[in-house]
N, C-alpha and C. Protein backbone atom coordinates (compact mmCIF):
# COMPACT_ATOMS: atom_id res chain seq x y z
N MET A 1 86.36 76.18 106.41
CA MET A 1 87.41 77.11 106.83
C MET A 1 86.77 78.26 107.60
N SER A 2 87.41 78.65 108.69
CA SER A 2 86.86 79.71 109.52
C SER A 2 87.06 81.06 108.87
N THR A 3 86.26 82.04 109.31
CA THR A 3 86.38 83.40 108.79
C THR A 3 87.76 83.97 109.09
N SER A 4 88.27 83.69 110.29
CA SER A 4 89.59 84.22 110.66
C SER A 4 90.68 83.66 109.78
N SER A 5 90.57 82.37 109.40
CA SER A 5 91.58 81.77 108.53
C SER A 5 91.53 82.40 107.15
N GLN A 6 90.31 82.64 106.66
CA GLN A 6 90.17 83.28 105.37
C GLN A 6 90.79 84.67 105.39
N SER A 7 90.58 85.39 106.49
CA SER A 7 91.15 86.73 106.62
C SER A 7 92.66 86.67 106.63
N ASP A 8 93.22 85.70 107.38
CA ASP A 8 94.67 85.59 107.46
C ASP A 8 95.26 85.31 106.09
N ARG A 9 94.60 84.48 105.29
CA ARG A 9 95.12 84.13 103.97
C ARG A 9 95.07 85.31 103.01
N SER A 10 94.25 86.30 103.32
CA SER A 10 94.17 87.47 102.45
C SER A 10 95.30 88.46 102.73
N LEU A 11 96.01 88.27 103.84
CA LEU A 11 97.10 89.19 104.20
C LEU A 11 98.38 88.80 103.46
N ARG A 12 99.23 89.78 103.23
CA ARG A 12 100.48 89.54 102.51
C ARG A 12 101.66 89.54 103.47
N PRO A 13 102.62 88.64 103.27
CA PRO A 13 103.84 88.68 104.09
C PRO A 13 104.60 89.98 103.82
N VAL A 14 105.41 90.38 104.78
CA VAL A 14 106.13 91.64 104.67
C VAL A 14 107.56 91.47 105.16
N VAL A 15 108.49 92.11 104.47
CA VAL A 15 109.88 92.12 104.90
C VAL A 15 110.31 93.56 105.10
N PHE A 16 110.97 93.80 106.25
CA PHE A 16 111.50 95.11 106.58
C PHE A 16 113.01 95.07 106.34
N LEU A 17 113.44 95.84 105.36
CA LEU A 17 114.81 95.78 104.88
C LEU A 17 115.64 96.94 105.40
N ASP A 18 116.80 96.65 105.97
CA ASP A 18 117.78 97.67 106.28
C ASP A 18 118.35 98.20 104.96
N ARG A 19 119.04 99.33 105.03
CA ARG A 19 119.58 99.91 103.80
C ARG A 19 121.09 99.65 103.68
N ASP A 20 121.89 100.42 104.41
CA ASP A 20 123.35 100.36 104.26
C ASP A 20 123.89 99.02 104.73
N GLY A 21 124.66 98.37 103.88
CA GLY A 21 125.23 97.08 104.22
C GLY A 21 124.30 95.91 103.94
N THR A 22 123.06 96.22 103.56
CA THR A 22 122.07 95.19 103.27
C THR A 22 121.63 95.27 101.82
N LEU A 23 121.13 96.43 101.41
CA LEU A 23 120.78 96.65 100.00
C LEU A 23 121.90 97.32 99.24
N ASN A 24 122.51 98.32 99.86
CA ASN A 24 123.63 99.01 99.20
C ASN A 24 124.93 98.77 99.97
N ILE A 25 126.01 98.94 99.26
CA ILE A 25 127.34 98.71 99.83
C ILE A 25 127.58 99.66 101.00
N GLU A 26 128.05 99.13 102.12
CA GLU A 26 128.36 99.95 103.29
C GLU A 26 129.47 100.94 102.93
N ALA A 27 129.14 102.24 103.10
CA ALA A 27 130.11 103.28 102.75
C ALA A 27 130.11 104.41 103.77
N GLY A 28 129.75 104.08 105.01
CA GLY A 28 129.71 105.10 106.05
C GLY A 28 128.58 106.09 105.78
N TYR A 29 128.79 107.32 106.22
CA TYR A 29 127.80 108.37 105.96
C TYR A 29 127.99 108.86 104.53
N ILE A 30 127.03 108.59 103.68
CA ILE A 30 127.18 108.83 102.25
C ILE A 30 126.85 110.29 101.94
N ARG A 31 127.88 111.09 101.75
CA ARG A 31 127.68 112.51 101.47
C ARG A 31 127.48 112.79 99.99
N ASP A 32 128.03 111.95 99.13
CA ASP A 32 127.85 112.06 97.69
C ASP A 32 126.84 111.00 97.25
N VAL A 33 125.71 111.43 96.73
CA VAL A 33 124.64 110.51 96.35
C VAL A 33 125.14 109.41 95.42
N GLN A 34 126.09 109.73 94.55
CA GLN A 34 126.59 108.75 93.58
C GLN A 34 127.36 107.61 94.26
N ASN A 35 127.69 107.77 95.53
CA ASN A 35 128.41 106.71 96.24
C ASN A 35 127.47 105.66 96.84
N LEU A 36 126.18 105.82 96.62
CA LEU A 36 125.24 104.77 97.02
C LEU A 36 125.10 103.81 95.84
N ASN A 37 125.56 102.58 96.06
CA ASN A 37 125.53 101.56 95.01
C ASN A 37 125.06 100.23 95.58
N LEU A 38 124.27 99.51 94.80
CA LEU A 38 123.69 98.26 95.27
C LEU A 38 124.74 97.18 95.49
N ILE A 39 124.51 96.37 96.50
CA ILE A 39 125.25 95.12 96.68
C ILE A 39 124.89 94.20 95.51
N GLN A 40 125.85 93.46 95.03
CA GLN A 40 125.61 92.57 93.89
C GLN A 40 124.43 91.64 94.17
N GLY A 41 123.49 91.64 93.25
CA GLY A 41 122.33 90.76 93.37
C GLY A 41 121.17 91.34 94.16
N ALA A 42 121.35 92.52 94.76
CA ALA A 42 120.29 93.09 95.60
C ALA A 42 119.04 93.41 94.80
N GLY A 43 119.23 94.00 93.62
CA GLY A 43 118.07 94.34 92.81
C GLY A 43 117.26 93.12 92.42
N GLU A 44 117.95 92.09 91.99
CA GLU A 44 117.27 90.86 91.61
C GLU A 44 116.58 90.21 92.81
N ALA A 45 117.21 90.31 93.98
CA ALA A 45 116.63 89.71 95.18
C ALA A 45 115.32 90.40 95.56
N VAL A 46 115.31 91.72 95.51
CA VAL A 46 114.09 92.46 95.83
C VAL A 46 113.01 92.15 94.79
N LYS A 47 113.41 92.05 93.52
CA LYS A 47 112.45 91.71 92.47
C LYS A 47 111.82 90.34 92.73
N LYS A 48 112.60 89.37 93.15
CA LYS A 48 112.06 88.04 93.45
C LYS A 48 111.03 88.11 94.57
N MET A 49 111.30 88.94 95.58
CA MET A 49 110.34 89.08 96.67
C MET A 49 109.09 89.82 96.20
N ASN A 50 109.27 90.85 95.37
CA ASN A 50 108.11 91.51 94.76
C ASN A 50 107.24 90.50 94.03
N ASP A 51 107.87 89.69 93.20
CA ASP A 51 107.13 88.72 92.38
C ASP A 51 106.45 87.65 93.22
N ALA A 52 107.01 87.38 94.42
CA ALA A 52 106.43 86.38 95.31
C ALA A 52 105.29 86.96 96.16
N GLY A 53 104.97 88.23 95.95
CA GLY A 53 103.87 88.86 96.68
C GLY A 53 104.24 89.33 98.07
N ILE A 54 105.53 89.46 98.33
CA ILE A 54 106.00 89.92 99.64
C ILE A 54 106.14 91.44 99.61
N VAL A 55 105.54 92.11 100.56
CA VAL A 55 105.63 93.56 100.66
C VAL A 55 107.02 93.92 101.17
N CYS A 56 107.72 94.78 100.44
CA CYS A 56 109.10 95.14 100.77
C CYS A 56 109.16 96.57 101.30
N VAL A 57 109.56 96.72 102.55
CA VAL A 57 109.55 98.01 103.23
C VAL A 57 110.95 98.33 103.73
N LEU A 58 111.45 99.49 103.38
CA LEU A 58 112.75 99.94 103.87
C LEU A 58 112.58 100.53 105.26
N THR A 59 113.41 100.09 106.20
CA THR A 59 113.42 100.66 107.56
C THR A 59 114.88 100.91 107.93
N THR A 60 115.26 102.16 108.06
CA THR A 60 116.68 102.48 108.20
C THR A 60 116.92 103.62 109.17
N ASN A 61 117.91 103.46 110.03
CA ASN A 61 118.39 104.55 110.88
C ASN A 61 119.28 105.44 110.03
N GLN A 62 119.01 106.73 110.01
CA GLN A 62 119.82 107.68 109.25
C GLN A 62 120.08 108.92 110.11
N THR A 63 121.14 108.87 110.88
CA THR A 63 121.40 109.92 111.88
C THR A 63 122.22 111.09 111.35
N GLY A 64 122.50 111.11 110.05
CA GLY A 64 123.28 112.21 109.49
C GLY A 64 122.77 113.59 109.86
N PRO A 65 121.44 113.85 109.75
CA PRO A 65 120.94 115.16 110.13
C PRO A 65 121.16 115.49 111.61
N ALA A 66 120.96 114.50 112.48
CA ALA A 66 121.15 114.73 113.91
C ALA A 66 122.60 115.01 114.25
N ARG A 67 123.52 114.44 113.48
CA ARG A 67 124.94 114.65 113.71
C ARG A 67 125.45 115.92 113.03
N GLY A 68 124.61 116.55 112.23
CA GLY A 68 125.01 117.75 111.52
C GLY A 68 125.81 117.50 110.27
N TYR A 69 125.75 116.28 109.73
CA TYR A 69 126.53 115.94 108.54
C TYR A 69 125.89 116.45 107.26
N TYR A 70 124.56 116.44 107.20
CA TYR A 70 123.85 116.89 106.01
C TYR A 70 122.37 117.10 106.38
N PRO A 71 121.63 117.84 105.55
CA PRO A 71 120.21 118.08 105.84
C PRO A 71 119.37 116.84 105.58
N GLU A 72 118.17 116.85 106.12
CA GLU A 72 117.27 115.71 105.93
C GLU A 72 116.95 115.49 104.45
N SER A 73 116.96 116.56 103.66
CA SER A 73 116.69 116.43 102.23
C SER A 73 117.69 115.50 101.54
N HIS A 74 118.90 115.40 102.11
CA HIS A 74 119.91 114.51 101.53
C HIS A 74 119.49 113.04 101.66
N ILE A 75 118.80 112.71 102.74
CA ILE A 75 118.29 111.35 102.90
C ILE A 75 117.31 111.04 101.78
N HIS A 76 116.46 112.00 101.47
CA HIS A 76 115.49 111.80 100.38
C HIS A 76 116.21 111.60 99.05
N ALA A 77 117.27 112.36 98.84
CA ALA A 77 118.04 112.22 97.59
C ALA A 77 118.68 110.84 97.49
N LEU A 78 119.21 110.35 98.61
CA LEU A 78 119.79 109.01 98.62
C LEU A 78 118.73 107.96 98.32
N HIS A 79 117.55 108.14 98.86
CA HIS A 79 116.50 107.15 98.62
C HIS A 79 115.97 107.22 97.20
N GLU A 80 115.99 108.40 96.61
CA GLU A 80 115.62 108.51 95.20
C GLU A 80 116.59 107.72 94.33
N ARG A 81 117.89 107.78 94.68
CA ARG A 81 118.86 107.00 93.92
C ARG A 81 118.65 105.49 94.15
N LEU A 82 118.38 105.11 95.39
CA LEU A 82 118.13 103.70 95.68
C LEU A 82 116.94 103.19 94.88
N ILE A 83 115.86 103.96 94.84
CA ILE A 83 114.68 103.57 94.07
C ILE A 83 115.03 103.40 92.60
N LYS A 84 115.82 104.33 92.08
CA LYS A 84 116.22 104.27 90.66
C LYS A 84 117.06 103.03 90.37
N LEU A 85 118.01 102.75 91.25
CA LEU A 85 118.88 101.59 91.04
C LEU A 85 118.08 100.28 91.10
N LEU A 86 117.15 100.19 92.03
CA LEU A 86 116.31 99.00 92.11
C LEU A 86 115.44 98.86 90.87
N ALA A 87 114.91 100.00 90.42
CA ALA A 87 114.03 99.97 89.25
C ALA A 87 114.74 99.45 88.01
N GLU A 88 116.05 99.65 87.94
CA GLU A 88 116.82 99.14 86.80
C GLU A 88 116.78 97.61 86.74
N HIS A 89 116.43 96.99 87.86
CA HIS A 89 116.30 95.53 87.91
C HIS A 89 114.83 95.10 87.98
N GLY A 90 113.93 96.06 87.76
CA GLY A 90 112.50 95.75 87.83
C GLY A 90 111.98 95.59 89.24
N ALA A 91 112.75 96.09 90.23
CA ALA A 91 112.40 95.92 91.64
C ALA A 91 111.86 97.22 92.22
N LYS A 92 111.09 97.08 93.30
CA LYS A 92 110.55 98.27 93.95
C LYS A 92 110.41 98.06 95.45
N LEU A 93 110.40 99.17 96.16
CA LEU A 93 110.07 99.19 97.57
C LEU A 93 108.64 99.67 97.71
N ASP A 94 107.86 99.01 98.56
CA ASP A 94 106.47 99.40 98.75
C ASP A 94 106.33 100.59 99.68
N ALA A 95 107.30 100.81 100.54
CA ALA A 95 107.28 101.96 101.45
C ALA A 95 108.69 102.17 101.98
N ILE A 96 108.95 103.39 102.41
CA ILE A 96 110.24 103.75 103.00
C ILE A 96 110.00 104.47 104.32
N TYR A 97 110.63 103.97 105.38
CA TYR A 97 110.62 104.63 106.67
C TYR A 97 112.06 104.81 107.12
N TYR A 98 112.35 105.96 107.69
CA TYR A 98 113.69 106.18 108.22
C TYR A 98 113.60 106.96 109.51
N CYS A 99 114.60 106.79 110.34
CA CYS A 99 114.70 107.53 111.59
C CYS A 99 115.91 108.45 111.51
N PRO A 100 115.71 109.79 111.57
CA PRO A 100 116.82 110.73 111.50
C PRO A 100 117.31 111.17 112.88
N HIS A 101 116.80 110.53 113.93
CA HIS A 101 117.03 111.03 115.29
C HIS A 101 118.25 110.40 115.95
N LEU A 102 118.79 111.12 116.90
CA LEU A 102 119.87 110.61 117.76
C LEU A 102 119.86 111.46 119.01
N SER A 103 119.77 110.81 120.16
CA SER A 103 119.69 111.57 121.42
C SER A 103 121.01 112.29 121.69
N PRO A 104 120.99 113.37 122.46
CA PRO A 104 122.23 114.06 122.81
C PRO A 104 123.24 113.15 123.50
N GLU A 105 122.74 112.19 124.29
CA GLU A 105 123.63 111.26 124.98
C GLU A 105 124.40 110.38 124.00
N GLU A 106 123.82 110.15 122.82
CA GLU A 106 124.48 109.31 121.82
C GLU A 106 125.25 110.12 120.78
N GLY A 107 125.20 111.44 120.90
CA GLY A 107 125.96 112.28 119.97
C GLY A 107 125.13 113.16 119.07
N GLY A 108 123.80 113.15 119.25
CA GLY A 108 122.94 114.02 118.47
C GLY A 108 123.17 115.48 118.85
N LYS A 109 123.34 116.33 117.82
CA LYS A 109 123.66 117.74 118.08
C LYS A 109 122.64 118.71 117.50
N GLU A 110 122.05 118.34 116.38
CA GLU A 110 121.24 119.28 115.62
C GLU A 110 119.75 119.13 115.90
N ALA A 111 119.12 120.21 116.35
CA ALA A 111 117.67 120.21 116.51
C ALA A 111 117.02 120.30 115.12
N PRO A 112 115.86 119.72 114.95
CA PRO A 112 115.01 119.03 115.93
C PRO A 112 115.27 117.54 116.00
N TYR A 113 116.41 117.09 115.50
CA TYR A 113 116.67 115.66 115.38
C TYR A 113 117.35 115.05 116.61
N ASN A 114 117.88 115.91 117.49
CA ASN A 114 118.66 115.40 118.64
C ASN A 114 117.74 115.08 119.80
N ILE A 115 116.92 114.04 119.59
CA ILE A 115 115.95 113.62 120.60
C ILE A 115 115.99 112.11 120.75
N ALA A 116 115.54 111.64 121.90
CA ALA A 116 115.28 110.21 122.06
C ALA A 116 113.92 109.93 121.42
N CYS A 117 113.80 108.80 120.76
CA CYS A 117 112.56 108.49 120.03
C CYS A 117 112.30 106.99 120.12
N ASP A 118 111.16 106.58 119.59
CA ASP A 118 110.87 105.14 119.55
C ASP A 118 111.04 104.57 118.15
N CYS A 119 111.49 105.43 117.20
CA CYS A 119 111.64 104.94 115.82
C CYS A 119 113.07 104.55 115.49
N ARG A 120 114.01 104.84 116.37
CA ARG A 120 115.39 104.44 116.11
C ARG A 120 115.55 102.96 116.44
N LYS A 121 115.97 102.18 115.45
CA LYS A 121 116.20 100.76 115.72
C LYS A 121 117.24 100.61 116.84
N PRO A 122 117.01 99.68 117.76
CA PRO A 122 116.05 98.56 117.72
C PRO A 122 114.66 98.87 118.27
N GLY A 123 114.36 100.14 118.53
CA GLY A 123 112.99 100.47 118.93
C GLY A 123 112.01 100.07 117.85
N PRO A 124 110.76 99.79 118.21
CA PRO A 124 109.79 99.22 117.26
C PRO A 124 109.05 100.23 116.41
N GLY A 125 109.35 101.52 116.55
CA GLY A 125 108.50 102.55 115.96
C GLY A 125 108.26 102.44 114.48
N MET A 126 109.30 102.16 113.68
CA MET A 126 109.11 102.12 112.23
C MET A 126 108.21 100.96 111.81
N ILE A 127 108.39 99.81 112.42
CA ILE A 127 107.55 98.67 112.07
C ILE A 127 106.12 98.90 112.52
N GLU A 128 105.94 99.44 113.72
CA GLU A 128 104.59 99.70 114.20
C GLU A 128 103.89 100.72 113.30
N ARG A 129 104.62 101.71 112.83
CA ARG A 129 104.04 102.69 111.92
C ARG A 129 103.63 102.02 110.61
N ALA A 130 104.48 101.12 110.12
CA ALA A 130 104.16 100.42 108.87
C ALA A 130 102.87 99.61 109.02
N PHE A 131 102.70 98.94 110.14
CA PHE A 131 101.48 98.15 110.33
C PHE A 131 100.25 99.04 110.45
N ARG A 132 100.43 100.25 110.93
CA ARG A 132 99.30 101.19 110.98
C ARG A 132 98.95 101.74 109.60
N GLU A 133 99.97 101.96 108.78
CA GLU A 133 99.78 102.71 107.54
C GLU A 133 99.64 101.86 106.28
N ILE A 134 100.14 100.64 106.29
CA ILE A 134 100.09 99.79 105.10
C ILE A 134 99.03 98.72 105.32
N SER A 135 98.01 98.76 104.50
CA SER A 135 96.92 97.81 104.68
C SER A 135 97.29 96.44 104.11
N GLY A 136 96.75 95.42 104.74
CA GLY A 136 96.85 94.07 104.19
C GLY A 136 98.15 93.34 104.44
N ILE A 137 98.97 93.79 105.39
CA ILE A 137 100.21 93.06 105.67
C ILE A 137 100.05 92.22 106.92
N ASP A 138 100.76 91.12 106.96
CA ASP A 138 100.53 90.06 107.93
C ASP A 138 101.55 90.13 109.06
N ARG A 139 101.10 90.51 110.25
CA ARG A 139 101.99 90.56 111.40
C ARG A 139 102.50 89.18 111.77
N GLY A 140 101.78 88.16 111.38
CA GLY A 140 102.21 86.80 111.68
C GLY A 140 103.14 86.21 110.64
N ASN A 141 103.48 86.98 109.62
CA ASN A 141 104.36 86.49 108.55
C ASN A 141 105.26 87.64 108.12
N CYS A 142 106.11 88.08 109.06
CA CYS A 142 106.94 89.27 108.83
C CYS A 142 108.40 88.97 109.14
N TYR A 143 109.28 89.68 108.45
CA TYR A 143 110.71 89.43 108.49
C TYR A 143 111.47 90.75 108.55
N VAL A 144 112.63 90.70 109.18
CA VAL A 144 113.56 91.83 109.19
C VAL A 144 114.88 91.33 108.65
N VAL A 145 115.47 92.09 107.72
CA VAL A 145 116.79 91.76 107.18
C VAL A 145 117.73 92.92 107.45
N GLY A 146 118.88 92.62 108.03
CA GLY A 146 119.87 93.67 108.27
C GLY A 146 121.23 93.09 108.59
N ASP A 147 122.22 93.99 108.69
CA ASP A 147 123.60 93.55 108.93
C ASP A 147 124.09 93.88 110.32
N LYS A 148 123.20 94.33 111.20
CA LYS A 148 123.62 94.74 112.54
C LYS A 148 122.85 93.98 113.61
N ALA A 149 123.45 93.91 114.79
CA ALA A 149 122.76 93.29 115.91
C ALA A 149 121.46 94.03 116.21
N THR A 150 121.47 95.35 116.03
CA THR A 150 120.26 96.12 116.29
C THR A 150 119.12 95.73 115.35
N ASP A 151 119.44 95.25 114.15
CA ASP A 151 118.39 94.78 113.25
C ASP A 151 117.72 93.52 113.79
N ILE A 152 118.50 92.65 114.35
CA ILE A 152 117.93 91.41 114.91
C ILE A 152 117.12 91.74 116.16
N ASP A 153 117.60 92.66 116.99
CA ASP A 153 116.83 93.09 118.15
C ASP A 153 115.55 93.81 117.72
N PHE A 154 115.62 94.54 116.64
CA PHE A 154 114.46 95.20 116.03
C PHE A 154 113.41 94.16 115.67
N ALA A 155 113.86 93.07 115.05
CA ALA A 155 112.95 91.99 114.70
C ALA A 155 112.30 91.40 115.94
N ARG A 156 113.09 91.16 116.97
CA ARG A 156 112.57 90.57 118.20
C ARG A 156 111.53 91.50 118.85
N ALA A 157 111.78 92.80 118.80
CA ALA A 157 110.88 93.76 119.44
C ALA A 157 109.50 93.74 118.80
N CYS A 158 109.43 93.27 117.56
CA CYS A 158 108.16 93.28 116.82
C CYS A 158 107.69 91.88 116.46
N SER A 159 108.30 90.86 117.08
CA SER A 159 107.91 89.46 116.83
C SER A 159 108.02 89.07 115.37
N CYS A 160 109.06 89.59 114.68
CA CYS A 160 109.35 89.20 113.31
C CYS A 160 110.50 88.21 113.28
N LYS A 161 110.63 87.48 112.21
CA LYS A 161 111.81 86.64 112.00
C LYS A 161 112.99 87.55 111.63
N GLY A 162 114.13 87.34 112.27
CA GLY A 162 115.29 88.17 112.02
C GLY A 162 116.35 87.47 111.19
N ILE A 163 116.75 88.10 110.08
CA ILE A 163 117.77 87.53 109.20
C ILE A 163 118.98 88.46 109.21
N LEU A 164 120.12 87.93 109.58
CA LEU A 164 121.37 88.70 109.57
C LEU A 164 122.13 88.39 108.29
N VAL A 165 122.46 89.42 107.53
CA VAL A 165 123.29 89.23 106.34
C VAL A 165 124.75 89.47 106.69
N GLU A 166 125.62 88.74 106.01
CA GLU A 166 127.06 88.80 106.30
C GLU A 166 127.75 89.95 105.58
N THR A 167 127.01 90.66 104.72
CA THR A 167 127.54 91.86 104.10
C THR A 167 127.53 93.00 105.12
N GLY A 168 128.09 94.15 104.77
CA GLY A 168 128.12 95.25 105.73
C GLY A 168 128.88 94.85 106.99
N PHE A 169 128.22 95.00 108.15
CA PHE A 169 128.85 94.69 109.44
C PHE A 169 128.50 93.29 109.95
N GLY A 170 127.79 92.51 109.14
CA GLY A 170 127.28 91.24 109.63
C GLY A 170 128.32 90.29 110.20
N LEU A 171 129.40 90.08 109.47
CA LEU A 171 130.44 89.18 109.97
C LEU A 171 131.11 89.74 111.22
N ASP A 172 131.31 91.06 111.26
CA ASP A 172 131.92 91.68 112.44
C ASP A 172 131.02 91.54 113.66
N VAL A 173 129.72 91.56 113.46
CA VAL A 173 128.79 91.33 114.56
C VAL A 173 129.01 89.94 115.15
N GLN A 174 129.05 88.93 114.30
CA GLN A 174 129.16 87.57 114.79
C GLN A 174 130.57 87.23 115.27
N ASP A 175 131.55 88.02 114.85
CA ASP A 175 132.92 87.84 115.36
C ASP A 175 133.16 88.62 116.64
N GLY A 176 132.15 89.35 117.10
CA GLY A 176 132.27 90.13 118.33
C GLY A 176 133.05 91.42 118.17
N LYS A 177 133.23 91.89 116.94
CA LYS A 177 134.00 93.10 116.67
C LYS A 177 133.13 94.35 116.56
N TYR A 178 131.82 94.14 116.40
CA TYR A 178 130.90 95.27 116.23
C TYR A 178 129.60 94.96 116.95
N GLN A 179 129.12 95.91 117.75
CA GLN A 179 127.91 95.73 118.54
C GLN A 179 128.03 94.46 119.38
N TRP A 180 127.15 93.50 119.21
CA TRP A 180 127.15 92.29 120.02
C TRP A 180 126.67 91.11 119.19
N ARG A 181 127.09 89.93 119.58
CA ARG A 181 126.68 88.73 118.85
C ARG A 181 125.18 88.50 119.01
N VAL A 182 124.58 87.92 117.99
CA VAL A 182 123.13 87.67 118.02
C VAL A 182 122.85 86.26 117.52
N GLU A 183 121.64 85.82 117.74
CA GLU A 183 121.17 84.52 117.23
C GLU A 183 119.99 84.77 116.31
N PRO A 184 120.26 85.06 115.06
CA PRO A 184 119.16 85.32 114.12
C PRO A 184 118.41 84.04 113.80
N ASP A 185 117.24 84.20 113.22
CA ASP A 185 116.51 83.02 112.75
C ASP A 185 117.20 82.41 111.54
N PHE A 186 117.93 83.26 110.80
CA PHE A 186 118.70 82.77 109.66
C PHE A 186 119.85 83.74 109.42
N GLN A 187 121.01 83.18 109.11
CA GLN A 187 122.17 84.00 108.74
C GLN A 187 122.46 83.75 107.27
N ALA A 188 122.47 84.83 106.50
CA ALA A 188 122.59 84.72 105.04
C ALA A 188 123.87 85.38 104.56
N GLY A 189 124.44 84.84 103.49
CA GLY A 189 125.62 85.45 102.92
C GLY A 189 125.36 86.86 102.43
N SER A 190 124.16 87.09 101.90
CA SER A 190 123.79 88.41 101.41
C SER A 190 122.27 88.45 101.28
N ILE A 191 121.75 89.58 100.81
CA ILE A 191 120.33 89.73 100.57
C ILE A 191 119.81 88.69 99.57
N VAL A 192 120.69 88.20 98.70
CA VAL A 192 120.28 87.20 97.71
C VAL A 192 119.83 85.92 98.41
N GLU A 193 120.66 85.41 99.29
CA GLU A 193 120.32 84.20 100.04
C GLU A 193 119.17 84.46 101.01
N ALA A 194 119.15 85.66 101.59
CA ALA A 194 118.07 86.02 102.51
C ALA A 194 116.72 86.00 101.80
N ALA A 195 116.68 86.54 100.59
CA ALA A 195 115.41 86.59 99.85
C ALA A 195 114.88 85.18 99.58
N ASP A 196 115.76 84.27 99.19
CA ASP A 196 115.32 82.90 98.92
C ASP A 196 114.74 82.26 100.18
N TRP A 197 115.39 82.50 101.32
CA TRP A 197 114.92 81.92 102.59
C TRP A 197 113.57 82.51 102.96
N ILE A 198 113.41 83.82 102.80
CA ILE A 198 112.16 84.49 103.14
C ILE A 198 111.02 83.99 102.26
N ILE A 199 111.27 83.86 100.98
CA ILE A 199 110.23 83.40 100.06
C ILE A 199 109.77 82.00 100.45
N ALA A 200 110.72 81.11 100.76
CA ALA A 200 110.37 79.75 101.14
C ALA A 200 109.62 79.74 102.48
N SER A 201 110.10 80.53 103.43
CA SER A 201 109.48 80.58 104.75
C SER A 201 108.08 81.18 104.68
N ALA A 202 107.94 82.27 103.94
CA ALA A 202 106.63 82.93 103.83
C ALA A 202 105.63 82.00 103.17
N SER A 203 106.06 81.26 102.17
CA SER A 203 105.17 80.33 101.49
C SER A 203 104.74 79.21 102.42
N ALA A 204 105.67 78.70 103.21
CA ALA A 204 105.37 77.62 104.13
C ALA A 204 104.38 78.07 105.22
N ARG A 205 104.54 79.29 105.70
CA ARG A 205 103.67 79.82 106.75
C ARG A 205 102.26 80.08 106.21
N ALA A 206 102.18 80.37 104.92
CA ALA A 206 100.87 80.66 104.33
C ALA A 206 100.07 79.40 104.05
N ASP A 207 100.77 78.25 103.92
CA ASP A 207 100.09 76.98 103.59
C ASP A 207 99.28 76.45 104.79
C-alpha cells in the first residue's frame, strides 16, 4: 500500500449540516429560543453518524443580525439549545460555523453584518474554513445536507456530495416554488434517511 493511500485512510469523512429545516423544524427567524425544536429523528440520525466516525459540522446562513432582527448573541443562544437537544439523544456536533452577513443589495441593514462575503451559502467560505481548522477530515469523502437549492450549490462549490432533504423547503425547491430546482446526489425524506445514505456512501468510499 502506498504512503498516500495510508494517509487517505487515516482521514475521517465529514458531513456539513444545514440547520433550519434540516436538523430543526423550519420556523422562520426564531426569535424565541424555545421555538427551536428538532425534526423527528434528527438526534438519533446525528448520533448514528457520530458512531460511524463521521465528523458532523453545522454550516448555516443566519442573517437575523444583518436584517436587524436580533443581535449575534441570539445565534449563539439558539446553537446552545441545539447542542442541548442533540445531547439528549447522545449526539454532538464537532464544529459550528455560521454566516451572519447579508449584502445591502439583498436587504442587509445592520453594520457590520451588511456586507458581501464568501461565507454565505452557496459561497464556499464555511467549508473552506472547516478544512483549514479541523484536522483529519477527508475532502474526498465529504457531504452537504440541506433543504435548499443553495445547499446543493454549496456542495457543488466544494466538490462535496449534495443531499437534499424534503423537510423544510426541500419539496418546494423540487416543485419549483422556492429558489430553483436542483439535482442532488441523493434526495432524502429527512435527515434520518440522509444519515443512512451518508454512512453507507462514506463506508463504500473508504473501502
